[in-house]
Amino acid sequence: DNLVVGTRQGHLLMYAVTETSQGRWDVSLLCSNKNFSRKPILQVQVVPEHQIIVSLSDNMISVHDLTVFNLPLLLSMQQTKGASTFDLDIKHQVTLTGETVATVRLVVAVKRRLQLYYWKGRRFHTLREDLQVSDVPKSLTWCKEAIAVAFKHDYWLISLTGEQKELFGTGKSQEALILRLQEEDMLVLGHEKETVIMDSEGNAKCEHTLKWGDQPVAMAYDKPFLISILPKSVEIKTPEPNIDVQTMLLDKPKLIAVARSRKGTNPVYIASTSHIWRLHRCQALSHVNELVKQEKFSLALKLLVSVFVLVF
């Protein structure tokens, strides 16, 4: 498994992370590109099926080639100048010949517009005309045939047909947080120290909100767990039923990513400005016994591969 890291200096680093027979992990630098960008790298997303890296730096989207050692630039998307955030939608489909192919769609927020593209022939092509929005998006994510968008004051669900639906406000802090639960096609939206779970049509999915010890700064989903990054800790919960699984103290964590592994596991990485940690699942027998007593057997089975520990 490889870990790709973008830095505030504009450097791109790729590490190999391998588990040893002693149950530990070896980390080695595979390659680096110190000329990746002249400005801080704000977002990085890897598409292993097409061997590309999509990144946001200097307010523009770029695509780099994973098949070459020094990760050279494949294309700069000049039409995305002024970009503030982006998201990829990767779907696997089986063709008539039985071959599995990965389709990739890209949405980019450029000022008060959403630009939409699809990947073909080592290039991104325009999917449809731009969608106009009322403000500059702070973050966004695909959700089926719509884009969930977080603005400074509120959340909206914007269909590819152009239809727009207001969801609710971001709260007094005006700090937006938005996450897609990919396998369930659901959304997690932040509201101060709480998060709300909604379906792909913008309807509340749970009767309750998830309450955190502080306002989350980032969040990820590693089924069945929601992992929330707080200013001084990491909290782990299950959304349905709502169970507090674990809290870990960390020094100023800021980012979290769930990697895709060919081994069937999904490594979870957390980063601060100076450190990177990997979360490793351990058994959580106390939670399993509690769920068995409640006859919630399905979730009990899922928790047998829990909870998490920091390994580096």
Protein backbone atom coordinates (compact mmCIF):
# COMPACT_ATOMS: atom_id res chain seq x y z
CA ASP A 1 0.00 0.00 0.00
CA ASN A 2 1.23 3.48 -0.90
CA LEU A 3 0.53 6.77 0.87
CA VAL A 4 0.56 10.04 -1.11
CA VAL A 5 1.26 13.24 0.84
CA GLY A 6 0.99 16.82 -0.39
CA THR A 7 2.77 19.51 1.64
CA ARG A 8 2.37 23.23 2.24
CA GLN A 9 5.73 23.71 0.48
CA GLY A 10 4.22 22.28 -2.70
CA HIS A 11 6.13 18.98 -2.50
CA LEU A 12 4.48 15.66 -3.30
CA LEU A 13 5.74 12.56 -1.50
CA MET A 14 4.83 8.91 -1.96
CA TYR A 15 5.56 6.36 0.76
CA ALA A 16 5.34 2.57 0.78
CA VAL A 17 3.64 1.30 3.95
CA THR A 18 4.14 -2.43 4.54
CA GLU A 19 3.22 -4.62 7.49
CA THR A 20 5.98 -6.78 8.96
CA SER A 21 5.68 -10.29 10.38
CA GLN A 22 5.94 -8.75 13.87
CA GLY A 23 2.70 -6.82 13.35
CA ARG A 24 4.43 -3.48 12.83
CA TRP A 25 4.67 -1.25 9.75
CA ASP A 26 7.70 -0.24 7.74
CA VAL A 27 7.54 3.14 6.01
CA SER A 28 9.88 4.00 3.13
CA LEU A 29 9.96 6.90 0.69
CA LEU A 30 9.23 5.64 -2.83
CA CYS A 31 9.50 8.92 -4.72
CA SER A 32 9.15 12.66 -4.33
CA ASN A 33 8.54 15.64 -6.56
CA LYS A 34 9.74 18.90 -5.02
CA ASN A 35 8.65 20.78 -8.14
CA PHE A 36 5.07 19.50 -7.95
CA SER A 37 3.73 22.99 -7.19
CA ARG A 38 5.00 26.44 -6.29
CA LYS A 39 2.15 26.88 -3.79
CA PRO A 40 0.72 24.74 -0.95
CA ILE A 41 -1.10 21.60 -2.08
CA LEU A 42 -4.63 21.98 -0.70
CA GLN A 43 -6.22 18.74 -1.94
CA VAL A 44 -4.91 15.49 -3.39
CA GLN A 45 -6.94 12.56 -4.67
CA VAL A 46 -5.52 9.42 -6.29
CA VAL A 47 -7.33 7.39 -8.94
CA PRO A 48 -5.36 4.11 -8.99
CA GLU A 49 -7.59 2.60 -11.69
CA HIS A 50 -6.32 5.22 -14.14
CA GLN A 51 -2.92 5.80 -12.50
CA ILE A 52 -3.41 9.54 -11.98
CA ILE A 53 -3.21 12.07 -9.16
CA VAL A 54 -5.71 14.95 -9.18
CA SER A 55 -4.67 17.93 -7.06
CA LEU A 56 -5.65 21.49 -6.16
CA SER A 57 -2.86 24.01 -5.77
CA ASP A 58 -2.47 27.68 -6.65
CA ASN A 59 -6.27 27.81 -7.21
CA MET A 60 -6.13 25.39 -10.16
CA ILE A 61 -6.69 21.68 -10.80
CA SER A 62 -3.77 19.63 -12.12
CA VAL A 63 -3.40 15.98 -13.08
CA HIS A 64 -0.14 14.08 -12.64
CA ASP A 65 0.97 10.71 -14.01
CA LEU A 66 1.43 7.86 -11.52
CA THR A 67 3.02 5.56 -14.08
CA VAL A 68 6.26 7.58 -14.21
CA PHE A 69 8.72 7.65 -11.32
CA ASN A 70 8.87 11.42 -10.73
CA LEU A 71 5.07 11.88 -11.11
CA PRO A 72 5.24 14.33 -14.04
CA LEU A 73 2.48 16.78 -14.92
CA LEU A 74 -0.08 15.29 -17.30
CA LEU A 75 -2.24 18.39 -17.68
CA SER A 76 -3.07 21.71 -16.04
CA MET A 77 -6.76 22.59 -16.28
CA GLN A 78 -6.47 26.29 -17.09
CA GLN A 79 -10.26 26.65 -17.18
CA THR A 80 -10.34 25.91 -13.43
CA LYS A 81 -8.32 29.00 -12.42
CA GLY A 82 -9.87 30.41 -9.27
CA ALA A 83 -10.83 26.96 -7.93
CA SER A 84 -11.46 26.66 -4.19
CA THR A 85 -12.31 22.96 -3.81
CA PHE A 86 -13.09 19.80 -5.84
CA ASP A 87 -14.39 16.26 -5.51
CA LEU A 88 -14.20 13.08 -7.59
CA ASP A 89 -16.94 10.51 -8.18
CA ILE A 90 -15.44 7.10 -9.01
CA LYS A 91 -17.77 4.27 -10.01
CA HIS A 92 -17.03 0.74 -11.18
CA GLN A 93 -19.14 -0.69 -13.98
CA VAL A 94 -19.11 -4.02 -15.82
CA THR A 95 -19.11 -3.77 -19.62
CA LEU A 96 -20.90 -6.13 -22.02
CA THR A 97 -17.63 -8.05 -22.40
CA GLY A 98 -17.41 -8.62 -18.65
CA GLU A 99 -14.62 -6.12 -18.09
CA THR A 100 -14.79 -3.86 -15.02
CA VAL A 101 -14.06 -0.22 -15.80
CA ALA A 102 -13.84 2.81 -13.54
CA THR A 103 -15.69 5.96 -14.57
CA VAL A 104 -14.50 9.23 -13.06
CA ARG A 105 -16.43 12.48 -12.75
CA LEU A 106 -14.98 15.72 -11.40
CA VAL A 107 -16.74 18.72 -9.88
CA VAL A 108 -14.76 21.91 -9.27
CA ALA A 109 -15.93 25.02 -7.43
CA VAL A 110 -14.67 28.08 -9.32
CA LYS A 111 -15.92 31.21 -7.57
CA ARG A 112 -19.74 30.99 -7.80
CA ARG A 113 -19.82 28.23 -10.41
CA LEU A 114 -19.64 24.45 -10.36
CA GLN A 115 -17.66 23.02 -13.29
CA LEU A 116 -18.31 19.36 -14.18
CA TYR A 117 -16.03 16.99 -16.11
CA TYR A 118 -15.54 13.31 -16.94
CA TRP A 119 -12.29 11.39 -17.53
CA LYS A 120 -11.59 9.78 -20.91
CA GLY A 121 -8.47 9.27 -23.00
CA ARG A 122 -6.11 10.63 -20.32
CA ARG A 123 -8.03 13.93 -20.26
CA PHE A 124 -10.94 15.55 -18.45
CA HIS A 125 -13.77 16.59 -20.78
CA THR A 126 -16.70 18.91 -20.06
CA LEU A 127 -19.70 16.97 -18.73
CA ARG A 128 -22.25 19.79 -19.02
CA GLU A 129 -22.48 23.56 -18.77
CA ASP A 130 -21.52 25.20 -15.48
CA LEU A 131 -24.00 25.32 -12.61
CA GLN A 132 -24.43 28.76 -11.03
CA VAL A 133 -24.59 28.94 -7.22
CA SER A 134 -25.39 31.74 -4.77
CA ASP A 135 -22.02 31.92 -2.99
CA VAL A 136 -18.47 30.55 -3.10
CA PRO A 137 -18.52 26.89 -1.92
CA LYS A 138 -16.34 26.04 1.07
CA SER A 139 -16.58 22.30 0.43
CA LEU A 140 -18.61 19.88 -1.67
CA THR A 141 -19.14 16.23 -2.48
CA TRP A 142 -20.88 14.09 -5.07
CA CYS A 143 -24.05 12.27 -3.99
CA LYS A 144 -25.52 10.17 -6.82
CA GLU A 145 -26.64 12.62 -9.54
CA ALA A 146 -26.30 15.69 -7.34
CA ILE A 147 -23.67 17.77 -5.59
CA ALA A 148 -23.95 18.52 -1.87
CA VAL A 149 -22.44 21.96 -1.30
CA ALA A 150 -21.42 23.68 1.92
CA PHE A 151 -21.41 27.47 1.86
CA LYS A 152 -20.44 29.80 4.71
CA HIS A 153 -23.98 30.04 6.07
CA ASP A 154 -25.84 26.97 4.80
CA TYR A 155 -25.91 23.62 2.97
CA TRP A 156 -27.54 22.98 -0.40
CA LEU A 157 -28.16 19.94 -2.59
CA ILE A 158 -27.72 20.80 -6.27
CA SER A 159 -28.89 18.34 -8.93
CA LEU A 160 -27.09 17.96 -12.26
CA THR A 161 -30.36 19.10 -13.83
CA GLY A 162 -29.88 22.47 -12.10
CA GLU A 163 -32.53 22.00 -9.41
CA GLN A 164 -31.38 23.36 -6.04
CA LYS A 165 -32.63 22.41 -2.56
CA GLU A 166 -31.71 24.27 0.64
CA LEU A 167 -30.96 21.91 3.54
CA PHE A 168 -30.14 23.88 6.74
CA GLY A 169 -27.72 26.43 8.21
CA THR A 170 -24.14 25.77 9.29
CA GLY A 171 -24.67 27.31 12.75
CA LYS A 172 -23.14 30.23 14.62
CA SER A 173 -19.56 29.13 13.95
CA GLN A 174 -20.17 29.12 10.18
CA GLU A 175 -17.70 26.23 9.89
CA ALA A 176 -19.02 23.85 7.25
CA LEU A 177 -18.28 20.12 7.27
CA ILE A 178 -19.61 17.74 4.66
CA LEU A 179 -18.97 14.03 4.06
CA ARG A 180 -20.46 11.37 1.79
CA LEU A 181 -21.00 7.82 3.03
CA GLN A 182 -20.22 6.24 -0.34
CA GLU A 183 -21.63 2.75 0.09
CA GLU A 184 -24.91 4.04 1.53
CA ASP A 185 -25.25 7.15 -0.70
CA MET A 186 -25.84 9.26 2.39
CA LEU A 187 -24.49 12.59 3.61
CA VAL A 188 -23.06 13.70 6.94
CA LEU A 189 -23.35 17.46 7.52
CA GLY A 190 -21.82 19.39 10.41
CA HIS A 191 -23.69 21.81 12.66
CA GLU A 192 -21.33 23.09 15.37
CA LYS A 193 -20.76 20.14 17.78
CA GLU A 194 -23.32 17.92 16.05
CA THR A 195 -23.63 16.12 12.73
CA VAL A 196 -26.79 15.33 10.80
CA ILE A 197 -27.17 12.29 8.53
CA MET A 198 -29.27 12.75 5.38
CA ASP A 199 -30.11 10.64 2.34
CA SER A 200 -29.21 11.51 -1.25
CA GLU A 201 -32.39 13.57 -1.61
CA GLY A 202 -31.67 15.75 1.42
CA ASN A 203 -34.04 14.05 3.86
CA ALA A 204 -33.03 13.32 7.46
CA LYS A 205 -32.01 9.68 7.78
CA CYS A 206 -31.81 9.37 11.57
CA GLU A 207 -34.11 10.68 14.27
CA HIS A 208 -31.09 11.78 16.30
CA THR A 209 -27.99 13.86 15.62
CA LEU A 210 -24.49 12.68 16.52
CA LYS A 211 -22.99 14.78 19.32
CA TRP A 212 -19.22 15.26 19.62
CA GLY A 213 -17.00 16.54 22.43
CA ASP A 214 -15.99 19.56 20.34
CA GLN A 215 -16.66 20.93 16.89
CA PRO A 216 -15.22 18.52 14.28
CA VAL A 217 -12.64 19.94 11.88
CA ALA A 218 -12.65 16.87 9.60
CA MET A 219 -14.40 13.53 9.36
CA ALA A 220 -14.17 10.20 7.54
CA TYR A 221 -16.22 7.02 7.27
CA ASP A 222 -14.72 3.57 7.66
CA LYS A 223 -17.78 1.33 7.70
CA PRO A 224 -19.44 1.12 10.19
CA PHE A 225 -17.50 3.90 11.96
CA LEU A 226 -17.63 7.67 11.73
CA ILE A 227 -14.20 9.00 12.71
CA SER A 228 -14.21 12.65 13.72
CA ILE A 229 -11.16 14.88 14.02
CA LEU A 230 -11.53 17.35 16.90
CA PRO A 231 -9.04 20.10 17.85
CA LYS A 232 -7.29 17.92 20.46
CA SER A 233 -8.58 14.40 19.90
CA VAL A 234 -10.15 11.80 17.63
CA GLU A 235 -13.62 10.43 18.38
CA ILE A 236 -15.09 7.28 16.86
CA LYS A 237 -18.82 6.46 16.78
CA THR A 238 -21.27 4.24 14.97
CA PRO A 239 -24.17 6.28 13.56
CA GLU A 240 -26.87 3.58 13.70
CA PRO A 241 -27.22 2.62 16.46
CA ASN A 242 -25.49 5.63 17.99
CA ILE A 243 -22.60 4.17 20.00
CA ASP A 244 -19.54 5.96 21.40
CA VAL A 245 -16.76 3.56 20.46
CA GLN A 246 -13.53 5.33 21.35
CA THR A 247 -11.75 8.63 22.04
CA MET A 248 -8.01 9.17 21.49
CA LEU A 249 -6.00 12.25 22.43
CA LEU A 250 -3.82 13.63 19.63
CA ASP A 251 -1.75 16.78 19.23
CA LYS A 252 -3.64 19.13 16.90
CA PRO A 253 -4.88 16.68 14.23
CA LYS A 254 -6.22 18.40 11.11
CA LEU A 255 -6.74 15.92 8.28
CA ILE A 256 -8.08 12.39 7.87
CA ALA A 257 -8.20 10.05 4.88
CA VAL A 258 -9.44 6.51 4.34
CA ALA A 259 -7.29 4.73 1.78
CA ARG A 260 -8.44 2.07 -0.65
CA SER A 261 -6.45 -1.14 -0.43
CA ARG A 262 -6.34 -4.12 -2.77
CA LYS A 263 -6.13 -6.34 0.33
CA GLY A 264 -9.72 -5.55 1.24
CA THR A 265 -8.87 -3.36 4.23
CA ASN A 266 -9.15 0.42 4.27
CA PRO A 267 -6.23 2.01 6.14
CA VAL A 268 -7.10 5.23 7.97
CA TYR A 269 -4.52 8.01 8.14
CA ILE A 270 -4.61 11.14 10.30
CA ALA A 271 -2.27 14.10 9.86
CA SER A 272 -1.24 17.23 11.73
CA THR A 273 1.10 19.88 10.35
CA SER A 274 4.10 17.77 11.41
CA HIS A 275 2.99 14.15 11.93
CA ILE A 276 1.08 11.35 10.21
CA TRP A 277 -0.59 8.54 12.15
CA ARG A 278 -2.18 5.33 10.93
CA LEU A 279 -5.16 3.84 12.76
CA HIS A 280 -5.24 0.08 13.12
CA ARG A 281 -8.31 -1.89 14.17
CA CYS A 282 -8.24 -4.14 17.22
CA GLN A 283 -11.00 -6.22 18.77
CA ALA A 284 -13.61 -4.45 20.90
CA LEU A 285 -15.09 -7.30 22.91
CA SER A 286 -16.83 -5.12 25.50
CA HIS A 287 -18.88 -3.37 22.79
CA VAL A 288 -19.57 -6.69 21.07
CA ASN A 289 -20.94 -8.24 24.27
CA GLU A 290 -23.17 -5.21 24.82
CA LEU A 291 -24.60 -5.45 21.30
CA VAL A 292 -25.20 -9.20 21.60
CA LYS A 293 -27.26 -8.56 24.75
CA GLN A 294 -29.30 -6.04 22.74
CA GLU A 295 -29.68 -8.61 19.91
CA LYS A 296 -27.96 -6.26 17.46
CA PHE A 297 -26.01 -9.11 15.95
CA SER A 298 -25.13 -7.51 12.60
CA LEU A 299 -23.31 -4.58 14.17
CA ALA A 300 -21.70 -6.89 16.74
CA LEU A 301 -20.09 -8.85 13.90
CA LYS A 302 -18.78 -5.64 12.34
CA LEU A 303 -17.27 -4.55 15.65
CA LEU A 304 -15.33 -7.80 16.01
CA VAL A 305 -12.62 -6.17 13.90
CA SER A 306 -12.46 -3.05 16.08
CA VAL A 307 -11.32 -0.73 17.75
CA PHE A 308 -8.46 1.45 16.61
CA VAL A 309 -4.90 1.99 17.82
CA LEU A 310 -2.22 4.36 16.51
CA VAL A 311 0.64 2.45 14.91
CA PHE A 312 2.96 5.27 13.69
